[in-house]
Amino acid sequence: MTTYTLSNKAKEDAEGIYDYTNEKFGSAQAEAYLIAIHECLSMLSVSPKLAITAKEIREDYFRYPIHKHMIFFKQEENGIYIVRVLHQQMQYSLHLV
């Protein structure tokens, strides 16, 4: 069974996304956004080849866009490991050390 696991930083990212979206657009939109991210992560865990390499940041990283964010992950034997979920306006290399 393929799965995904979130790093502690990715969990913090998801909490921040929820908090910001809830504050700006309400809880229904915040929940819908997190559901969309979860569905995307589930899809990537089954089909990681949909993502593109992020080797300019790190050789074993991949990335995939979701709305205004970019998911960064590594492939593992039984799924994917989510490193970060960063806003598109962030300078990714500064947050992926």
PDB file of N, CA and C in Angstrom:
ATOM      1  N   MET A   1       0.845  -1.183   0.000  1.00  0.00           N
ATOM      2  CA  MET A   1       0.000   0.000   0.000  1.00  0.00           C
ATOM      3  C   MET A   1       0.889   1.245   0.000  1.00  0.00           C
ATOM      4  N   THR A   2       0.616   2.144  -0.900  1.00  0.00           N
ATOM      5  CA  THR A   2       1.388   3.377  -0.961  1.00  0.00           C
ATOM      6  C   THR A   2       0.743   4.441  -0.083  1.00  0.00           C
ATOM      7  N   THR A   3       1.595   5.192   0.575  1.00  0.00           N
ATOM      8  CA  THR A   3       1.113   6.209   1.505  1.00  0.00           C
ATOM      9  C   THR A   3       1.987   7.455   1.398  1.00  0.00           C
ATOM     10  N   TYR A   4       1.614   8.443   2.156  1.00  0.00           N
ATOM     11  CA  TYR A   4       2.486   9.605   2.300  1.00  0.00           C
ATOM     12  C   TYR A   4       2.649   9.909   3.779  1.00  0.00           C
ATOM     13  N   THR A   5       3.826  10.442   4.102  1.00  0.00           N
ATOM     14  CA  THR A   5       4.163  10.847   5.455  1.00  0.00           C
ATOM     15  C   THR A   5       4.603  12.301   5.405  1.00  0.00           C
ATOM     16  N   LEU A   6       4.159  13.081   6.371  1.00  0.00           N
ATOM     17  CA  LEU A   6       4.533  14.499   6.425  1.00  0.00           C
ATOM     18  C   LEU A   6       5.659  14.715   7.425  1.00  0.00           C
ATOM     19  N   SER A   7       6.650  15.485   7.021  1.00  0.00           N
ATOM     20  CA  SER A   7       7.683  15.913   7.961  1.00  0.00           C
ATOM     21  C   SER A   7       7.045  16.868   8.968  1.00  0.00           C
ATOM     22  N   ASN A   8       7.744  17.130  10.054  1.00  0.00           N
ATOM     23  CA  ASN A   8       7.229  18.099  11.030  1.00  0.00           C
ATOM     24  C   ASN A   8       7.042  19.470  10.395  1.00  0.00           C
ATOM     25  N   LYS A   9       7.974  19.855   9.524  1.00  0.00           N
ATOM     26  CA  LYS A   9       7.861  21.152   8.839  1.00  0.00           C
ATOM     27  C   LYS A   9       6.643  21.171   7.915  1.00  0.00           C
ATOM     28  N   ALA A  10       6.380  20.076   7.225  1.00  0.00           N
ATOM     29  CA  ALA A  10       5.210  20.007   6.339  1.00  0.00           C
ATOM     30  C   ALA A  10       3.918  20.093   7.149  1.00  0.00           C
ATOM     31  N   LYS A  11       3.911  19.494   8.338  1.00  0.00           N
ATOM     32  CA  LYS A  11       2.744  19.612   9.223  1.00  0.00           C
ATOM     33  C   LYS A  11       2.539  21.069   9.636  1.00  0.00           C
ATOM     34  N   GLU A  12       3.635  21.739   9.977  1.00  0.00           N
ATOM     35  CA  GLU A  12       3.549  23.165  10.326  1.00  0.00           C
ATOM     36  C   GLU A  12       3.063  23.986   9.134  1.00  0.00           C
ATOM     37  N   ASP A  13       3.542  23.627   7.934  1.00  0.00           N
ATOM     38  CA  ASP A  13       3.090  24.322   6.725  1.00  0.00           C
ATOM     39  C   ASP A  13       1.577  24.178   6.561  1.00  0.00           C
ATOM     40  N   ALA A  14       1.073  22.958   6.733  1.00  0.00           N
ATOM     41  CA  ALA A  14      -0.365  22.708   6.578  1.00  0.00           C
ATOM     42  C   ALA A  14      -1.169  23.496   7.612  1.00  0.00           C
ATOM     43  N   GLU A  15      -0.673  23.535   8.843  1.00  0.00           N
ATOM     44  CA  GLU A  15      -1.353  24.317   9.883  1.00  0.00           C
ATOM     45  C   GLU A  15      -1.368  25.800   9.519  1.00  0.00           C
ATOM     46  N   GLY A  16      -0.249  26.297   9.016  1.00  0.00           N
ATOM     47  CA  GLY A  16      -0.170  27.696   8.611  1.00  0.00           C
ATOM     48  C   GLY A  16      -1.092  28.016   7.444  1.00  0.00           C
ATOM     49  N   ILE A  17      -1.173  27.105   6.490  1.00  0.00           N
ATOM     50  CA  ILE A  17      -2.080  27.278   5.352  1.00  0.00           C
ATOM     51  C   ILE A  17      -3.515  27.341   5.849  1.00  0.00           C
ATOM     52  N   TYR A  18      -3.860  26.424   6.763  1.00  0.00           N
ATOM     53  CA  TYR A  18      -5.220  26.420   7.307  1.00  0.00           C
ATOM     54  C   TYR A  18      -5.503  27.730   8.043  1.00  0.00           C
ATOM     55  N   ASP A  19      -4.599  28.123   8.924  1.00  0.00           N
ATOM     56  CA  ASP A  19      -4.818  29.336   9.724  1.00  0.00           C
ATOM     57  C   ASP A  19      -4.981  30.570   8.844  1.00  0.00           C
ATOM     58  N   TYR A  20      -4.104  30.722   7.862  1.00  0.00           N
ATOM     59  CA  TYR A  20      -4.168  31.891   6.982  1.00  0.00           C
ATOM     60  C   TYR A  20      -5.465  31.881   6.170  1.00  0.00           C
ATOM     61  N   THR A  21      -5.791  30.741   5.578  1.00  0.00           N
ATOM     62  CA  THR A  21      -6.994  30.645   4.748  1.00  0.00           C
ATOM     63  C   THR A  21      -8.241  30.852   5.586  1.00  0.00           C
ATOM     64  N   ASN A  22      -8.258  30.307   6.793  1.00  0.00           N
ATOM     65  CA  ASN A  22      -9.394  30.484   7.696  1.00  0.00           C
ATOM     66  C   ASN A  22      -9.583  31.960   8.035  1.00  0.00           C
ATOM     67  N   GLU A  23      -8.482  32.638   8.334  1.00  0.00           N
ATOM     68  CA  GLU A  23      -8.554  34.058   8.696  1.00  0.00           C
ATOM     69  C   GLU A  23      -9.043  34.918   7.525  1.00  0.00           C
ATOM     70  N   LYS A  24      -8.545  34.626   6.323  1.00  0.00           N
ATOM     71  CA  LYS A  24      -8.862  35.458   5.158  1.00  0.00           C
ATOM     72  C   LYS A  24     -10.172  35.076   4.467  1.00  0.00           C
ATOM     73  N   PHE A  25     -10.503  33.775   4.452  1.00  0.00           N
ATOM     74  CA  PHE A  25     -11.620  33.304   3.633  1.00  0.00           C
ATOM     75  C   PHE A  25     -12.646  32.454   4.376  1.00  0.00           C
ATOM     76  N   GLY A  26     -12.382  32.132   5.650  1.00  0.00           N
ATOM     77  CA  GLY A  26     -13.330  31.362   6.439  1.00  0.00           C
ATOM     78  C   GLY A  26     -12.981  29.888   6.533  1.00  0.00           C
ATOM     79  N   SER A  27     -13.612  29.229   7.501  1.00  0.00           N
ATOM     80  CA  SER A  27     -13.276  27.836   7.801  1.00  0.00           C
ATOM     81  C   SER A  27     -13.648  26.878   6.680  1.00  0.00           C
ATOM     82  N   ALA A  28     -14.748  27.135   5.981  1.00  0.00           N
ATOM     83  CA  ALA A  28     -15.150  26.235   4.893  1.00  0.00           C
ATOM     84  C   ALA A  28     -14.088  26.210   3.795  1.00  0.00           C
ATOM     85  N   GLN A  29     -13.567  27.380   3.443  1.00  0.00           N
ATOM     86  CA  GLN A  29     -12.528  27.449   2.415  1.00  0.00           C
ATOM     87  C   GLN A  29     -11.229  26.827   2.915  1.00  0.00           C
ATOM     88  N   ALA A  30     -10.899  27.051   4.179  1.00  0.00           N
ATOM     89  CA  ALA A  30      -9.677  26.477   4.749  1.00  0.00           C
ATOM     90  C   ALA A  30      -9.742  24.953   4.729  1.00  0.00           C
ATOM     91  N   GLU A  31     -10.879  24.407   5.118  1.00  0.00           N
ATOM     92  CA  GLU A  31     -11.044  22.951   5.101  1.00  0.00           C
ATOM     93  C   GLU A  31     -10.997  22.411   3.680  1.00  0.00           C
ATOM     94  N   ALA A  32     -11.630  23.112   2.743  1.00  0.00           N
ATOM     95  CA  ALA A  32     -11.618  22.674   1.340  1.00  0.00           C
ATOM     96  C   ALA A  32     -10.191  22.661   0.788  1.00  0.00           C
ATOM     97  N   TYR A  33      -9.395  23.650   1.163  1.00  0.00           N
ATOM     98  CA  TYR A  33      -8.010  23.726   0.691  1.00  0.00           C
ATOM     99  C   TYR A  33      -7.192  22.557   1.240  1.00  0.00           C
ATOM    100  N   LEU A  34      -7.351  22.265   2.531  1.00  0.00           N
ATOM    101  CA  LEU A  34      -6.607  21.143   3.104  1.00  0.00           C
ATOM    102  C   LEU A  34      -7.051  19.815   2.513  1.00  0.00           C
ATOM    103  N   ILE A  35      -8.337  19.674   2.223  1.00  0.00           N
ATOM    104  CA  ILE A  35      -8.822  18.455   1.569  1.00  0.00           C
ATOM    105  C   ILE A  35      -8.183  18.322   0.189  1.00  0.00           C
ATOM    106  N   ALA A  36      -8.111  19.424  -0.556  1.00  0.00           N
ATOM    107  CA  ALA A  36      -7.481  19.395  -1.881  1.00  0.00           C
ATOM    108  C   ALA A  36      -6.012  18.994  -1.779  1.00  0.00           C
ATOM    109  N   ILE A  37      -5.313  19.508  -0.774  1.00  0.00           N
ATOM    110  CA  ILE A  37      -3.909  19.138  -0.573  1.00  0.00           C
ATOM    111  C   ILE A  37      -3.805  17.657  -0.234  1.00  0.00           C
ATOM    112  N   HIS A  38      -4.655  17.175   0.665  1.00  0.00           N
ATOM    113  CA  HIS A  38      -4.654  15.752   1.031  1.00  0.00           C
ATOM    114  C   HIS A  38      -4.893  14.878  -0.200  1.00  0.00           C
ATOM    115  N   GLU A  39      -5.867  15.237  -1.018  1.00  0.00           N
ATOM    116  CA  GLU A  39      -6.157  14.454  -2.223  1.00  0.00           C
ATOM    117  C   GLU A  39      -4.971  14.460  -3.179  1.00  0.00           C
ATOM    118  N   CYS A  40      -4.309  15.588  -3.288  1.00  0.00           N
ATOM    119  CA  CYS A  40      -3.124  15.689  -4.132  1.00  0.00           C
ATOM    120  C   CYS A  40      -2.000  14.800  -3.600  1.00  0.00           C
ATOM    121  N   LEU A  41      -1.790  14.811  -2.293  1.00  0.00           N
ATOM    122  CA  LEU A  41      -0.750  13.978  -1.689  1.00  0.00           C
ATOM    123  C   LEU A  41      -1.056  12.499  -1.881  1.00  0.00           C
ATOM    124  N   SER A  42      -2.315  12.125  -1.743  1.00  0.00           N
ATOM    125  CA  SER A  42      -2.715  10.736  -1.971  1.00  0.00           C
ATOM    126  C   SER A  42      -2.436  10.327  -3.413  1.00  0.00           C
ATOM    127  N   MET A  43      -2.771  11.198  -4.360  1.00  0.00           N
ATOM    128  CA  MET A  43      -2.524  10.932  -5.775  1.00  0.00           C
ATOM    129  C   MET A  43      -1.025  10.771  -6.034  1.00  0.00           C
ATOM    130  N   LEU A  44      -0.222  11.669  -5.472  1.00  0.00           N
ATOM    131  CA  LEU A  44       1.222  11.602  -5.674  1.00  0.00           C
ATOM    132  C   LEU A  44       1.830  10.352  -5.045  1.00  0.00           C
ATOM    133  N   SER A  45       1.259   9.885  -3.944  1.00  0.00           N
ATOM    134  CA  SER A  45       1.796   8.678  -3.315  1.00  0.00           C
ATOM    135  C   SER A  45       1.609   7.462  -4.215  1.00  0.00           C
ATOM    136  N   VAL A  46       0.562   7.483  -5.032  1.00  0.00           N
ATOM    137  CA  VAL A  46       0.294   6.394  -5.974  1.00  0.00           C
ATOM    138  C   VAL A  46       1.033   6.623  -7.296  1.00  0.00           C
ATOM    139  N   SER A  47       1.128   7.868  -7.714  1.00  0.00           N
ATOM    140  CA  SER A  47       1.716   8.216  -9.018  1.00  0.00           C
ATOM    141  C   SER A  47       2.756   9.331  -8.877  1.00  0.00           C
ATOM    142  N   PRO A  48       3.870   9.057  -8.213  1.00  0.00           N
ATOM    143  CA  PRO A  48       4.862  10.111  -7.986  1.00  0.00           C
ATOM    144  C   PRO A  48       5.496  10.641  -9.269  1.00  0.00           C
ATOM    145  N   LYS A  49       5.404   9.888 -10.346  1.00  0.00           N
ATOM    146  CA  LYS A  49       6.003  10.335 -11.608  1.00  0.00           C
ATOM    147  C   LYS A  49       5.253  11.509 -12.228  1.00  0.00           C
ATOM    148  N   LEU A  50       4.110  11.883 -11.668  1.00  0.00           N
ATOM    149  CA  LEU A  50       3.401  13.079 -12.123  1.00  0.00           C
ATOM    150  C   LEU A  50       4.166  14.348 -11.754  1.00  0.00           C
ATOM    151  N   ALA A  51       5.005  14.242 -10.744  1.00  0.00           N
ATOM    152  CA  ALA A  51       5.788  15.391 -10.276  1.00  0.00           C
ATOM    153  C   ALA A  51       7.031  15.560 -11.142  1.00  0.00           C
ATOM    154  N   ILE A  52       7.640  16.724 -11.019  1.00  0.00           N
ATOM    155  CA  ILE A  52       8.897  16.958 -11.726  1.00  0.00           C
ATOM    156  C   ILE A  52      10.035  17.019 -10.710  1.00  0.00           C
ATOM    157  N   THR A  53      11.216  16.760 -11.191  1.00  0.00           N
ATOM    158  CA  THR A  53      12.371  16.770 -10.304  1.00  0.00           C
ATOM    159  C   THR A  53      12.639  18.182  -9.783  1.00  0.00           C
ATOM    160  N   ALA A  54      13.165  18.230  -8.586  1.00  0.00           N
ATOM    161  CA  ALA A  54      13.600  19.499  -7.992  1.00  0.00           C
ATOM    162  C   ALA A  54      15.089  19.391  -7.684  1.00  0.00           C
ATOM    163  N   LYS A  55      15.813  18.741  -8.598  1.00  0.00           N
ATOM    164  CA  LYS A  55      17.234  18.474  -8.351  1.00  0.00           C
ATOM    165  C   LYS A  55      18.085  19.732  -8.279  1.00  0.00           C
ATOM    166  N   GLU A  56      17.537  20.871  -8.742  1.00  0.00           N
ATOM    167  CA  GLU A  56      18.276  22.122  -8.589  1.00  0.00           C
ATOM    168  C   GLU A  56      18.350  22.535  -7.119  1.00  0.00           C
ATOM    169  N   ILE A  57      17.455  21.965  -6.306  1.00  0.00           N
ATOM    170  CA  ILE A  57      17.451  22.230  -4.866  1.00  0.00           C
ATOM    171  C   ILE A  57      18.138  21.092  -4.123  1.00  0.00           C
ATOM    172  N   ARG A  58      17.727  19.882  -4.467  1.00  0.00           N
ATOM    173  CA  ARG A  58      18.339  18.691  -3.882  1.00  0.00           C
ATOM    174  C   ARG A  58      18.080  17.516  -4.818  1.00  0.00           C
ATOM    175  N   GLU A  59      19.057  16.689  -5.013  1.00  0.00           N
ATOM    176  CA  GLU A  59      19.012  15.624  -6.019  1.00  0.00           C
ATOM    177  C   GLU A  59      17.808  14.689  -5.875  1.00  0.00           C
ATOM    178  N   ASP A  60      17.398  14.399  -4.652  1.00  0.00           N
ATOM    179  CA  ASP A  60      16.325  13.419  -4.450  1.00  0.00           C
ATOM    180  C   ASP A  60      14.947  14.047  -4.228  1.00  0.00           C
ATOM    181  N   TYR A  61      14.803  15.343  -4.456  1.00  0.00           N
ATOM    182  CA  TYR A  61      13.520  16.027  -4.250  1.00  0.00           C
ATOM    183  C   TYR A  61      12.718  16.114  -5.549  1.00  0.00           C
ATOM    184  N   PHE A  62      11.402  16.052  -5.372  1.00  0.00           N
ATOM    185  CA  PHE A  62      10.455  16.271  -6.455  1.00  0.00           C
ATOM    186  C   PHE A  62       9.493  17.359  -6.016  1.00  0.00           C
ATOM    187  N   ARG A  63       8.805  17.970  -6.998  1.00  0.00           N
ATOM    188  CA  ARG A  63       7.847  19.018  -6.654  1.00  0.00           C
ATOM    189  C   ARG A  63       6.599  18.875  -7.508  1.00  0.00           C
ATOM    190  N   TYR A  64       5.508  19.390  -6.939  1.00  0.00           N
ATOM    191  CA  TYR A  64       4.220  19.350  -7.635  1.00  0.00           C
ATOM    192  C   TYR A  64       3.385  20.536  -7.158  1.00  0.00           C
ATOM    193  N   PRO A  65       2.808  21.311  -8.089  1.00  0.00           N
ATOM    194  CA  PRO A  65       2.016  22.478  -7.685  1.00  0.00           C
ATOM    195  C   PRO A  65       0.601  22.107  -7.262  1.00  0.00           C
ATOM    196  N   ILE A  66       0.095  22.811  -6.266  1.00  0.00           N
ATOM    197  CA  ILE A  66      -1.299  22.698  -5.844  1.00  0.00           C
ATOM    198  C   ILE A  66      -1.769  24.105  -5.504  1.00  0.00           C
ATOM    199  N   HIS A  67      -2.661  24.619  -6.307  1.00  0.00           N
ATOM    200  CA  HIS A  67      -3.171  25.989  -6.162  1.00  0.00           C
ATOM    201  C   HIS A  67      -2.003  26.974  -6.055  1.00  0.00           C
ATOM    202  N   LYS A  68      -1.878  27.669  -4.951  1.00  0.00           N
ATOM    203  CA  LYS A  68      -0.813  28.675  -4.805  1.00  0.00           C
ATOM    204  C   LYS A  68       0.392  28.139  -4.028  1.00  0.00           C
ATOM    205  N   HIS A  69       0.477  26.822  -3.900  1.00  0.00           N
ATOM    206  CA  HIS A  69       1.565  26.200  -3.147  1.00  0.00           C
ATOM    207  C   HIS A  69       2.309  25.177  -3.996  1.00  0.00           C
ATOM    208  N   MET A  70       3.498  24.821  -3.524  1.00  0.00           N
ATOM    209  CA  MET A  70       4.305  23.799  -4.164  1.00  0.00           C
ATOM    210  C   MET A  70       4.621  22.736  -3.120  1.00  0.00           C
ATOM    211  N   ILE A  71       4.330  21.495  -3.470  1.00  0.00           N
ATOM    212  CA  ILE A  71       4.626  20.356  -2.600  1.00  0.00           C
ATOM    213  C   ILE A  71       6.017  19.844  -2.966  1.00  0.00           C
ATOM    214  N   PHE A  72       6.867  19.675  -1.973  1.00  0.00           N
ATOM    215  CA  PHE A  72       8.185  19.092  -2.166  1.00  0.00           C
ATOM    216  C   PHE A  72       8.219  17.761  -1.425  1.00  0.00           C
ATOM    217  N   PHE A  73       8.693  16.717  -2.112  1.00  0.00           N
ATOM    218  CA  PHE A  73       8.712  15.393  -1.496  1.00  0.00           C
ATOM    219  C   PHE A  73       9.876  14.557  -2.004  1.00  0.00           C
ATOM    220  N   LYS A  74      10.114  13.463  -1.274  1.00  0.00           N
ATOM    221  CA  LYS A  74      11.090  12.455  -1.667  1.00  0.00           C
ATOM    222  C   LYS A  74      10.336  11.142  -1.826  1.00  0.00           C
ATOM    223  N   GLN A  75      10.783  10.319  -2.750  1.00  0.00           N
ATOM    224  CA  GLN A  75      10.186   8.999  -2.899  1.00  0.00           C
ATOM    225  C   GLN A  75      10.788   8.058  -1.870  1.00  0.00           C
ATOM    226  N   GLU A  76       9.922   7.202  -1.320  1.00  0.00           N
ATOM    227  CA  GLU A  76      10.360   6.168  -0.393  1.00  0.00           C
ATOM    228  C   GLU A  76       9.851   4.829  -0.901  1.00  0.00           C
ATOM    229  N   GLU A  77      10.268   3.775  -0.258  1.00  0.00           N
ATOM    230  CA  GLU A  77       9.900   2.434  -0.712  1.00  0.00           C
ATOM    231  C   GLU A  77       8.385   2.226  -0.773  1.00  0.00           C
ATOM    232  N   ASN A  78       7.657   2.708   0.229  1.00  0.00           N
ATOM    233  CA  ASN A  78       6.213   2.468   0.294  1.00  0.00           C
ATOM    234  C   ASN A  78       5.377   3.726   0.104  1.00  0.00           C
ATOM    235  N   GLY A  79       5.921   4.720  -0.566  1.00  0.00           N
ATOM    236  CA  GLY A  79       5.154   5.945  -0.760  1.00  0.00           C
ATOM    237  C   GLY A  79       6.067   7.145  -0.907  1.00  0.00           C
ATOM    238  N   ILE A  80       5.602   8.266  -0.377  1.00  0.00           N
ATOM    239  CA  ILE A  80       6.388   9.497  -0.472  1.00  0.00           C
ATOM    240  C   ILE A  80       6.481  10.167   0.895  1.00  0.00           C
ATOM    241  N   TYR A  81       7.550  10.924   1.069  1.00  0.00           N
ATOM    242  CA  TYR A  81       7.793  11.682   2.290  1.00  0.00           C
ATOM    243  C   TYR A  81       7.688  13.154   1.933  1.00  0.00           C
ATOM    244  N   ILE A  82       6.698  13.831   2.493  1.00  0.00           N
ATOM    245  CA  ILE A  82       6.452  15.230   2.191  1.00  0.00           C
ATOM    246  C   ILE A  82       7.408  16.081   3.019  1.00  0.00           C
ATOM    247  N   VAL A  83       8.286  16.784   2.341  1.00  0.00           N
ATOM    248  CA  VAL A  83       9.296  17.602   3.003  1.00  0.00           C
ATOM    249  C   VAL A  83       8.704  18.950   3.410  1.00  0.00           C
ATOM    250  N   ARG A  84       8.052  19.641   2.455  1.00  0.00           N
ATOM    251  CA  ARG A  84       7.453  20.956   2.724  1.00  0.00           C
ATOM    252  C   ARG A  84       6.281  21.190   1.776  1.00  0.00           C
ATOM    253  N   VAL A  85       5.408  22.110   2.171  1.00  0.00           N
ATOM    254  CA  VAL A  85       4.345  22.636   1.312  1.00  0.00           C
ATOM    255  C   VAL A  85       4.495  24.153   1.402  1.00  0.00           C
ATOM    256  N   LEU A  86       5.105  24.743   0.375  1.00  0.00           N
ATOM    257  CA  LEU A  86       5.501  26.148   0.424  1.00  0.00           C
ATOM    258  C   LEU A  86       4.685  26.999  -0.542  1.00  0.00           C
ATOM    259  N   HIS A  87       4.428  28.232  -0.145  1.00  0.00           N
ATOM    260  CA  HIS A  87       3.707  29.164  -1.007  1.00  0.00           C
ATOM    261  C   HIS A  87       4.568  29.495  -2.222  1.00  0.00           C
ATOM    262  N   GLN A  88       3.922  29.707  -3.349  1.00  0.00           N
ATOM    263  CA  GLN A  88       4.643  29.948  -4.601  1.00  0.00           C
ATOM    264  C   GLN A  88       5.519  31.198  -4.576  1.00  0.00           C
ATOM    265  N   GLN A  89       5.245  32.133  -3.683  1.00  0.00           N
ATOM    266  CA  GLN A  89       6.054  33.353  -3.622  1.00  0.00           C
ATOM    267  C   GLN A  89       7.301  33.208  -2.749  1.00  0.00           C
ATOM    268  N   MET A  90       7.445  32.073  -2.078  1.00  0.00           N
ATOM    269  CA  MET A  90       8.624  31.857  -1.242  1.00  0.00           C
ATOM    270  C   MET A  90       9.821  31.483  -2.115  1.00  0.00           C
ATOM    271  N   GLN A  91      10.992  31.807  -1.635  1.00  0.00           N
ATOM    272  CA  GLN A  91      12.209  31.350  -2.296  1.00  0.00           C
ATOM    273  C   GLN A  91      12.494  29.955  -1.748  1.00  0.00           C
ATOM    274  N   TYR A  92      12.159  28.956  -2.536  1.00  0.00           N
ATOM    275  CA  TYR A  92      12.163  27.570  -2.068  1.00  0.00           C
ATOM    276  C   TYR A  92      13.487  27.133  -1.464  1.00  0.00           C
ATOM    277  N   SER A  93      14.584  27.486  -2.103  1.00  0.00           N
ATOM    278  CA  SER A  93      15.888  27.011  -1.637  1.00  0.00           C
ATOM    279  C   SER A  93      16.205  27.463  -0.214  1.00  0.00           C
ATOM    280  N   LEU A  94      15.639  28.576   0.222  1.00  0.00           N
ATOM    281  CA  LEU A  94      15.873  29.047   1.592  1.00  0.00           C
ATOM    282  C   LEU A  94      15.142  28.203   2.630  1.00  0.00           C
ATOM    283  N   HIS A  95      14.098  27.506   2.223  1.00  0.00           N
ATOM    284  CA  HIS A  95      13.263  26.744   3.157  1.00  0.00           C
ATOM    285  C   HIS A  95      13.466  25.236   3.042  1.00  0.00           C
ATOM    286  N   LEU A  96      14.356  24.818   2.170  1.00  0.00           N
ATOM    287  CA  LEU A  96      14.574  23.384   1.939  1.00  0.00           C
ATOM    288  C   LEU A  96      16.016  22.999   2.216  1.00  0.00           C
ATOM    289  N   VAL A  97      16.497  23.351   3.373  1.00  0.00           N
ATOM    290  CA  VAL A  97      17.884  23.059   3.745  1.00  0.00           C
ATOM    291  C   VAL A  97      17.936  21.733   4.463  1.00  0.00           C
TER     292      VAL A  97
END
